[in-house]
Amino acid sequence: MLNYAVTFLVIALVAAALGFGGLAGTAASIAKVLFILFLVLFVASLFRGSKSR
């Protein structure tokens, strides 16, 4: 999932450099949502792992 977030971030940076503002904004928004989702799932897995020990 983190890989997808980084991929969309790179797409956003390339699109912004080439002047495609709408595409860059969309790709950056997708990257942000995926990164937040990754963080939530990571924290949840940390809590589940600590409770099972």
C-alpha atoms as a PDB file:
ATOM      1  CA  MET A   1       0.000   0.000   0.000  1.00  0.00           C
ATOM      2  CA  LEU A   2       2.856   2.339   0.775  1.00  0.00           C
ATOM      3  CA  ASN A   3       4.225   1.498  -2.657  1.00  0.00           C
ATOM      4  CA  TYR A   4       1.011   2.778  -4.286  1.00  0.00           C
ATOM      5  CA  ALA A   5       1.172   5.990  -2.257  1.00  0.00           C
ATOM      6  CA  VAL A   6       4.745   6.643  -3.394  1.00  0.00           C
ATOM      7  CA  THR A   7       3.805   5.830  -6.996  1.00  0.00           C
ATOM      8  CA  PHE A   8       0.940   8.333  -6.993  1.00  0.00           C
ATOM      9  CA  LEU A   9       3.218  10.911  -5.358  1.00  0.00           C
ATOM     10  CA  VAL A  10       5.749  10.498  -8.171  1.00  0.00           C
ATOM     11  CA  ILE A  11       2.960  10.770 -10.758  1.00  0.00           C
ATOM     12  CA  ALA A  12       1.786  13.970  -9.079  1.00  0.00           C
ATOM     13  CA  LEU A  13       5.275  15.468  -9.100  1.00  0.00           C
ATOM     14  CA  VAL A  14       5.844  14.612 -12.766  1.00  0.00           C
ATOM     15  CA  ALA A  15       2.416  15.931 -13.753  1.00  0.00           C
ATOM     16  CA  ALA A  16       3.031  19.151 -11.837  1.00  0.00           C
ATOM     17  CA  ALA A  17       6.415  19.600 -13.505  1.00  0.00           C
ATOM     18  CA  LEU A  18       4.809  19.168 -16.926  1.00  0.00           C
ATOM     19  CA  GLY A  19       2.036  21.629 -16.145  1.00  0.00           C
ATOM     20  CA  PHE A  20      -0.920  19.277 -15.697  1.00  0.00           C
ATOM     21  CA  GLY A  21      -2.332  20.906 -12.558  1.00  0.00           C
ATOM     22  CA  GLY A  22      -5.605  18.977 -12.394  1.00  0.00           C
ATOM     23  CA  LEU A  23      -3.944  15.608 -12.790  1.00  0.00           C
ATOM     24  CA  ALA A  24      -1.266  16.539 -10.277  1.00  0.00           C
ATOM     25  CA  GLY A  25      -3.872  17.539  -7.698  1.00  0.00           C
ATOM     26  CA  THR A  26      -5.824  14.335  -8.204  1.00  0.00           C
ATOM     27  CA  ALA A  27      -2.737  12.119  -7.945  1.00  0.00           C
ATOM     28  CA  ALA A  28      -1.559  13.992  -4.849  1.00  0.00           C
ATOM     29  CA  SER A  29      -4.955  13.525  -3.203  1.00  0.00           C
ATOM     30  CA  ILE A  30      -4.911   9.797  -3.935  1.00  0.00           C
ATOM     31  CA  ALA A  31      -1.374   9.535  -2.562  1.00  0.00           C
ATOM     32  CA  LYS A  32      -2.403  11.354   0.612  1.00  0.00           C
ATOM     33  CA  VAL A  33      -5.420   9.098   1.184  1.00  0.00           C
ATOM     34  CA  LEU A  34      -3.379   5.935   0.609  1.00  0.00           C
ATOM     35  CA  PHE A  35      -0.638   7.134   2.969  1.00  0.00           C
ATOM     36  CA  ILE A  36      -3.129   7.912   5.737  1.00  0.00           C
ATOM     37  CA  LEU A  37      -4.777   4.522   5.209  1.00  0.00           C
ATOM     38  CA  PHE A  38      -1.345   2.887   5.434  1.00  0.00           C
ATOM     39  CA  LEU A  39      -0.612   4.684   8.703  1.00  0.00           C
ATOM     40  CA  VAL A  40      -3.958   3.659  10.222  1.00  0.00           C
ATOM     41  CA  LEU A  41      -3.457   0.018   9.267  1.00  0.00           C
ATOM     42  CA  PHE A  42       0.136   0.101  10.535  1.00  0.00           C
ATOM     43  CA  VAL A  43      -0.899   1.462  13.942  1.00  0.00           C
ATOM     44  CA  ALA A  44      -3.740  -1.065  14.135  1.00  0.00           C
ATOM     45  CA  SER A  45      -1.335  -3.912  13.411  1.00  0.00           C
ATOM     46  CA  LEU A  46       1.007  -2.647  16.117  1.00  0.00           C
ATOM     47  CA  PHE A  47      -1.798  -2.701  18.680  1.00  0.00           C
ATOM     48  CA  ARG A  48      -2.979  -6.152  17.599  1.00  0.00           C
ATOM     49  CA  GLY A  49       0.552  -7.496  17.779  1.00  0.00           C
ATOM     50  CA  SER A  50       1.170  -6.141  21.262  1.00  0.00           C
ATOM     51  CA  LYS A  51      -2.127  -7.550  22.612  1.00  0.00           C
ATOM     52  CA  SER A  52      -1.439 -11.075  21.362  1.00  0.00           C
ATOM     53  CA  ARG A  53       1.858 -11.374  23.274  1.00  0.00           C
END
